[in-house]
Amino acid sequence: MVEEKRGESATRVSREEMAERLIAARERLARWAARDFKRRQTPLKLTQTQFAILQKVDHAEGLNMSALAEALELSVPTIVRAVDALERKGLVTRQRSSRDHREVCILVTAEGLRAHEETRRLRHERLVPILTCLSDNEVEGLVAGYEALVRALPDSDPAYTRAC
């Protein structure tokens, strides 16, 4: 019984230490990704928020501002500003919903699709050489770890959720 408690305690400390390491690595990676995204000349100088909007609307066309804000976990004013900028760049349009004429849906234009795909391509071109610095096992472990972490999140996408 005492050994079980010691084992649990050791595991808890180990998990806490791992959590700290994971948080530190995630913060460093997030800072690098944000700086790298800004440094790279993305098509039409897209921001990360604008890119995320194009990606979400491309996969679920016809979202209104509220649904888009909820899906991206951003405020409606942030979404409105970003959509305004995307519309000025000719990457999205606003259209009245056929179901409810009070509702305005966001649609990606052909130019928006091109900008989104070009930005995705540039991101992949940047990431692949970095991944070559890792062994195949490290890359597979990294991907498997991220996927497992997403599945374990209590409020993650239902497509990934599983009970612990």
C-alpha atoms as a PDB file:
ATOM      1  CA  MET A   1       0.000   0.000   0.000  1.00  0.00           C
ATOM      2  CA  VAL A   2       2.826   2.405   0.895  1.00  0.00           C
ATOM      3  CA  GLU A   3       4.675   1.499  -2.304  1.00  0.00           C
ATOM      4  CA  GLU A   4       1.543   2.186  -4.355  1.00  0.00           C
ATOM      5  CA  LYS A   5       1.298   5.644  -2.809  1.00  0.00           C
ATOM      6  CA  ARG A   6       4.999   6.262  -3.448  1.00  0.00           C
ATOM      7  CA  GLY A   7       4.508   5.176  -7.060  1.00  0.00           C
ATOM      8  CA  GLU A   8       1.527   7.485  -7.443  1.00  0.00           C
ATOM      9  CA  SER A   9       3.460  10.354  -5.885  1.00  0.00           C
ATOM     10  CA  ALA A  10       6.471   9.744  -8.118  1.00  0.00           C
ATOM     11  CA  THR A  11       4.192   9.590 -11.155  1.00  0.00           C
ATOM     12  CA  ARG A  12       2.446  12.788 -10.104  1.00  0.00           C
ATOM     13  CA  VAL A  13       5.772  14.616  -9.717  1.00  0.00           C
ATOM     14  CA  SER A  14       6.944  13.236 -13.024  1.00  0.00           C
ATOM     15  CA  ARG A  15       3.711  14.367 -14.712  1.00  0.00           C
ATOM     16  CA  GLU A  16       4.070  17.794 -13.108  1.00  0.00           C
ATOM     17  CA  GLU A  17       7.657  18.057 -14.340  1.00  0.00           C
ATOM     18  CA  MET A  18       6.582  16.906 -17.786  1.00  0.00           C
ATOM     19  CA  ALA A  19       3.777  19.465 -17.766  1.00  0.00           C
ATOM     20  CA  GLU A  20       6.310  22.222 -17.037  1.00  0.00           C
ATOM     21  CA  ARG A  21       8.599  21.009 -19.832  1.00  0.00           C
ATOM     22  CA  LEU A  22       5.657  20.774 -22.224  1.00  0.00           C
ATOM     23  CA  ILE A  23       4.451  24.277 -21.362  1.00  0.00           C
ATOM     24  CA  ALA A  24       7.934  25.724 -21.826  1.00  0.00           C
ATOM     25  CA  ALA A  25       8.434  23.940 -25.160  1.00  0.00           C
ATOM     26  CA  ARG A  26       4.968  24.936 -26.378  1.00  0.00           C
ATOM     27  CA  GLU A  27       5.555  28.597 -25.462  1.00  0.00           C
ATOM     28  CA  ARG A  28       8.916  28.643 -27.246  1.00  0.00           C
ATOM     29  CA  LEU A  29       7.435  26.957 -30.309  1.00  0.00           C
ATOM     30  CA  ALA A  30       4.462  29.354 -30.342  1.00  0.00           C
ATOM     31  CA  ARG A  31       6.782  32.387 -30.167  1.00  0.00           C
ATOM     32  CA  TRP A  32       8.936  30.983 -32.981  1.00  0.00           C
ATOM     33  CA  ALA A  33       5.870  30.234 -35.130  1.00  0.00           C
ATOM     34  CA  ALA A  34       4.419  33.716 -34.592  1.00  0.00           C
ATOM     35  CA  ARG A  35       7.726  35.429 -35.432  1.00  0.00           C
ATOM     36  CA  ASP A  36       8.305  33.161 -38.411  1.00  0.00           C
ATOM     37  CA  PHE A  37       4.793  33.796 -39.731  1.00  0.00           C
ATOM     38  CA  LYS A  38       5.355  37.564 -39.478  1.00  0.00           C
ATOM     39  CA  ARG A  39       8.812  37.398 -41.079  1.00  0.00           C
ATOM     40  CA  ARG A  40       7.670  35.372 -44.047  1.00  0.00           C
ATOM     41  CA  GLN A  41       6.026  37.398 -46.743  1.00  0.00           C
ATOM     42  CA  THR A  42       2.709  35.607 -46.906  1.00  0.00           C
ATOM     43  CA  PRO A  43       0.470  36.309 -49.887  1.00  0.00           C
ATOM     44  CA  LEU A  44      -1.240  39.656 -49.362  1.00  0.00           C
ATOM     45  CA  LYS A  45       0.433  39.905 -45.925  1.00  0.00           C
ATOM     46  CA  LEU A  46      -2.091  37.712 -44.144  1.00  0.00           C
ATOM     47  CA  THR A  47      -2.082  37.718 -40.360  1.00  0.00           C
ATOM     48  CA  GLN A  48      -2.401  34.454 -38.451  1.00  0.00           C
ATOM     49  CA  THR A  49      -6.007  35.353 -37.607  1.00  0.00           C
ATOM     50  CA  GLN A  50      -6.826  36.073 -41.252  1.00  0.00           C
ATOM     51  CA  PHE A  51      -5.216  32.789 -42.294  1.00  0.00           C
ATOM     52  CA  ALA A  52      -7.245  30.922 -39.660  1.00  0.00           C
ATOM     53  CA  ILE A  53     -10.440  32.558 -40.922  1.00  0.00           C
ATOM     54  CA  LEU A  54      -9.697  31.578 -44.530  1.00  0.00           C
ATOM     55  CA  GLN A  55      -8.966  28.036 -43.404  1.00  0.00           C
ATOM     56  CA  LYS A  56     -12.154  27.735 -41.336  1.00  0.00           C
ATOM     57  CA  VAL A  57     -14.423  29.318 -43.966  1.00  0.00           C
ATOM     58  CA  ASP A  58     -12.853  27.164 -46.675  1.00  0.00           C
ATOM     59  CA  HIS A  59     -13.777  24.022 -44.707  1.00  0.00           C
ATOM     60  CA  ALA A  60     -17.195  25.232 -43.495  1.00  0.00           C
ATOM     61  CA  GLU A  61     -18.369  27.828 -45.976  1.00  0.00           C
ATOM     62  CA  GLY A  62     -21.275  30.032 -45.059  1.00  0.00           C
ATOM     63  CA  LEU A  63     -20.397  30.685 -41.423  1.00  0.00           C
ATOM     64  CA  ASN A  64     -21.674  33.899 -39.875  1.00  0.00           C
ATOM     65  CA  MET A  65     -19.498  36.128 -37.673  1.00  0.00           C
ATOM     66  CA  SER A  66     -20.695  34.609 -34.396  1.00  0.00           C
ATOM     67  CA  ALA A  67     -20.195  31.018 -35.541  1.00  0.00           C
ATOM     68  CA  LEU A  68     -16.762  31.917 -36.907  1.00  0.00           C
ATOM     69  CA  ALA A  69     -15.781  33.623 -33.634  1.00  0.00           C
ATOM     70  CA  GLU A  70     -16.934  30.589 -31.656  1.00  0.00           C
ATOM     71  CA  ALA A  71     -15.163  28.128 -33.948  1.00  0.00           C
ATOM     72  CA  LEU A  72     -11.871  30.035 -33.690  1.00  0.00           C
ATOM     73  CA  GLU A  73     -12.343  30.932 -30.007  1.00  0.00           C
ATOM     74  CA  LEU A  74     -11.936  34.634 -30.741  1.00  0.00           C
ATOM     75  CA  SER A  75     -14.142  37.610 -29.966  1.00  0.00           C
ATOM     76  CA  VAL A  76     -16.701  38.791 -32.513  1.00  0.00           C
ATOM     77  CA  PRO A  77     -15.014  42.249 -32.790  1.00  0.00           C
ATOM     78  CA  THR A  78     -11.677  40.544 -33.599  1.00  0.00           C
ATOM     79  CA  ILE A  79     -13.383  38.458 -36.286  1.00  0.00           C
ATOM     80  CA  VAL A  80     -15.191  41.496 -37.733  1.00  0.00           C
ATOM     81  CA  ARG A  81     -11.924  43.467 -38.047  1.00  0.00           C
ATOM     82  CA  ALA A  82     -10.137  40.531 -39.670  1.00  0.00           C
ATOM     83  CA  VAL A  83     -13.028  39.825 -42.072  1.00  0.00           C
ATOM     84  CA  ASP A  84     -13.146  43.536 -42.985  1.00  0.00           C
ATOM     85  CA  ALA A  85      -9.445  43.361 -43.898  1.00  0.00           C
ATOM     86  CA  LEU A  86      -9.936  40.116 -45.853  1.00  0.00           C
ATOM     87  CA  GLU A  87     -12.841  41.671 -47.725  1.00  0.00           C
ATOM     88  CA  ARG A  88     -10.753  44.757 -48.630  1.00  0.00           C
ATOM     89  CA  LYS A  89      -8.100  42.376 -49.998  1.00  0.00           C
ATOM     90  CA  GLY A  90     -10.751  40.600 -52.075  1.00  0.00           C
ATOM     91  CA  LEU A  91     -10.274  37.281 -50.250  1.00  0.00           C
ATOM     92  CA  VAL A  92     -13.777  36.917 -48.789  1.00  0.00           C
ATOM     93  CA  THR A  93     -17.230  38.260 -49.499  1.00  0.00           C
ATOM     94  CA  ARG A  94     -20.267  38.700 -47.310  1.00  0.00           C
ATOM     95  CA  GLN A  95     -23.571  37.317 -48.465  1.00  0.00           C
ATOM     96  CA  ARG A  96     -27.045  37.335 -46.955  1.00  0.00           C
ATOM     97  CA  SER A  97     -28.145  33.897 -45.808  1.00  0.00           C
ATOM     98  CA  SER A  98     -30.830  32.280 -47.940  1.00  0.00           C
ATOM     99  CA  ARG A  99     -32.409  30.880 -44.736  1.00  0.00           C
ATOM    100  CA  ASP A 100     -32.442  34.102 -42.713  1.00  0.00           C
ATOM    101  CA  HIS A 101     -31.901  37.392 -44.531  1.00  0.00           C
ATOM    102  CA  ARG A 102     -30.805  39.077 -41.287  1.00  0.00           C
ATOM    103  CA  GLU A 103     -27.790  36.768 -41.153  1.00  0.00           C
ATOM    104  CA  VAL A 104     -24.620  37.517 -43.121  1.00  0.00           C
ATOM    105  CA  CYS A 105     -22.403  34.607 -44.156  1.00  0.00           C
ATOM    106  CA  ILE A 106     -18.709  34.759 -45.031  1.00  0.00           C
ATOM    107  CA  LEU A 107     -17.613  33.134 -48.306  1.00  0.00           C
ATOM    108  CA  VAL A 108     -14.068  32.657 -49.610  1.00  0.00           C
ATOM    109  CA  THR A 109     -13.332  34.061 -53.066  1.00  0.00           C
ATOM    110  CA  ALA A 110     -11.165  32.324 -55.663  1.00  0.00           C
ATOM    111  CA  GLU A 111      -8.356  34.736 -54.748  1.00  0.00           C
ATOM    112  CA  GLY A 112      -8.882  33.846 -51.068  1.00  0.00           C
ATOM    113  CA  LEU A 113      -8.524  30.152 -51.877  1.00  0.00           C
ATOM    114  CA  ARG A 114      -5.291  30.860 -53.783  1.00  0.00           C
ATOM    115  CA  ALA A 115      -3.890  32.961 -50.908  1.00  0.00           C
ATOM    116  CA  HIS A 116      -4.818  30.282 -48.386  1.00  0.00           C
ATOM    117  CA  GLU A 117      -3.199  27.498 -50.412  1.00  0.00           C
ATOM    118  CA  GLU A 118      -0.053  29.550 -51.054  1.00  0.00           C
ATOM    119  CA  THR A 119       0.277  30.328 -47.337  1.00  0.00           C
ATOM    120  CA  ARG A 120      -0.204  26.637 -46.461  1.00  0.00           C
ATOM    121  CA  ARG A 121       2.459  25.710 -49.018  1.00  0.00           C
ATOM    122  CA  LEU A 122       4.900  28.243 -47.580  1.00  0.00           C
ATOM    123  CA  ARG A 123       4.273  26.953 -44.041  1.00  0.00           C
ATOM    124  CA  HIS A 124       4.935  23.377 -45.164  1.00  0.00           C
ATOM    125  CA  GLU A 125       8.095  24.443 -46.994  1.00  0.00           C
ATOM    126  CA  ARG A 126       9.314  26.027 -43.760  1.00  0.00           C
ATOM    127  CA  LEU A 127       8.417  23.111 -41.477  1.00  0.00           C
ATOM    128  CA  VAL A 128       9.630  20.136 -43.534  1.00  0.00           C
ATOM    129  CA  PRO A 129      13.352  21.081 -43.381  1.00  0.00           C
ATOM    130  CA  ILE A 130      13.057  21.521 -39.619  1.00  0.00           C
ATOM    131  CA  LEU A 131      11.501  18.066 -39.295  1.00  0.00           C
ATOM    132  CA  THR A 132      14.439  16.586 -41.205  1.00  0.00           C
ATOM    133  CA  CYS A 133      16.595  17.478 -38.192  1.00  0.00           C
ATOM    134  CA  LEU A 134      14.633  14.881 -36.220  1.00  0.00           C
ATOM    135  CA  SER A 135      14.735  11.115 -36.577  1.00  0.00           C
ATOM    136  CA  ASP A 136      11.727   9.300 -38.048  1.00  0.00           C
ATOM    137  CA  ASN A 137      10.939   7.979 -34.573  1.00  0.00           C
ATOM    138  CA  GLU A 138      11.071  11.483 -33.099  1.00  0.00           C
ATOM    139  CA  VAL A 139       8.728  12.852 -35.776  1.00  0.00           C
ATOM    140  CA  GLU A 140       6.310   9.945 -35.335  1.00  0.00           C
ATOM    141  CA  GLY A 141       6.454  10.366 -31.555  1.00  0.00           C
ATOM    142  CA  LEU A 142       5.890  14.104 -31.826  1.00  0.00           C
ATOM    143  CA  VAL A 143       2.834  13.683 -34.044  1.00  0.00           C
ATOM    144  CA  ALA A 144       1.454  10.823 -31.939  1.00  0.00           C
ATOM    145  CA  GLY A 145       1.990  12.875 -28.782  1.00  0.00           C
ATOM    146  CA  TYR A 146       0.183  15.911 -30.177  1.00  0.00           C
ATOM    147  CA  GLU A 147      -2.706  13.754 -31.398  1.00  0.00           C
ATOM    148  CA  ALA A 148      -2.978  12.033 -28.012  1.00  0.00           C
ATOM    149  CA  LEU A 149      -2.893  15.370 -26.208  1.00  0.00           C
ATOM    150  CA  VAL A 150      -5.683  16.723 -28.428  1.00  0.00           C
ATOM    151  CA  ARG A 151      -7.781  13.614 -27.751  1.00  0.00           C
ATOM    152  CA  ALA A 152      -7.290  14.088 -24.009  1.00  0.00           C
ATOM    153  CA  LEU A 153      -8.469  17.706 -24.008  1.00  0.00           C
ATOM    154  CA  PRO A 154     -11.821  18.040 -22.257  1.00  0.00           C
ATOM    155  CA  ASP A 155     -13.196  20.585 -24.738  1.00  0.00           C
ATOM    156  CA  SER A 156     -11.498  19.459 -27.921  1.00  0.00           C
ATOM    157  CA  ASP A 157     -13.120  18.843 -31.265  1.00  0.00           C
ATOM    158  CA  PRO A 158     -15.617  15.967 -30.911  1.00  0.00           C
ATOM    159  CA  ALA A 159     -13.860  14.185 -33.769  1.00  0.00           C
ATOM    160  CA  TYR A 160     -10.808  13.760 -31.532  1.00  0.00           C
ATOM    161  CA  THR A 161     -12.339  13.407 -28.067  1.00  0.00           C
ATOM    162  CA  ARG A 162     -11.977  10.199 -26.120  1.00  0.00           C
ATOM    163  CA  ALA A 163     -12.313   9.389 -22.457  1.00  0.00           C
ATOM    164  CA  CYS A 164      -9.090   9.037 -20.457  1.00  0.00           C
END
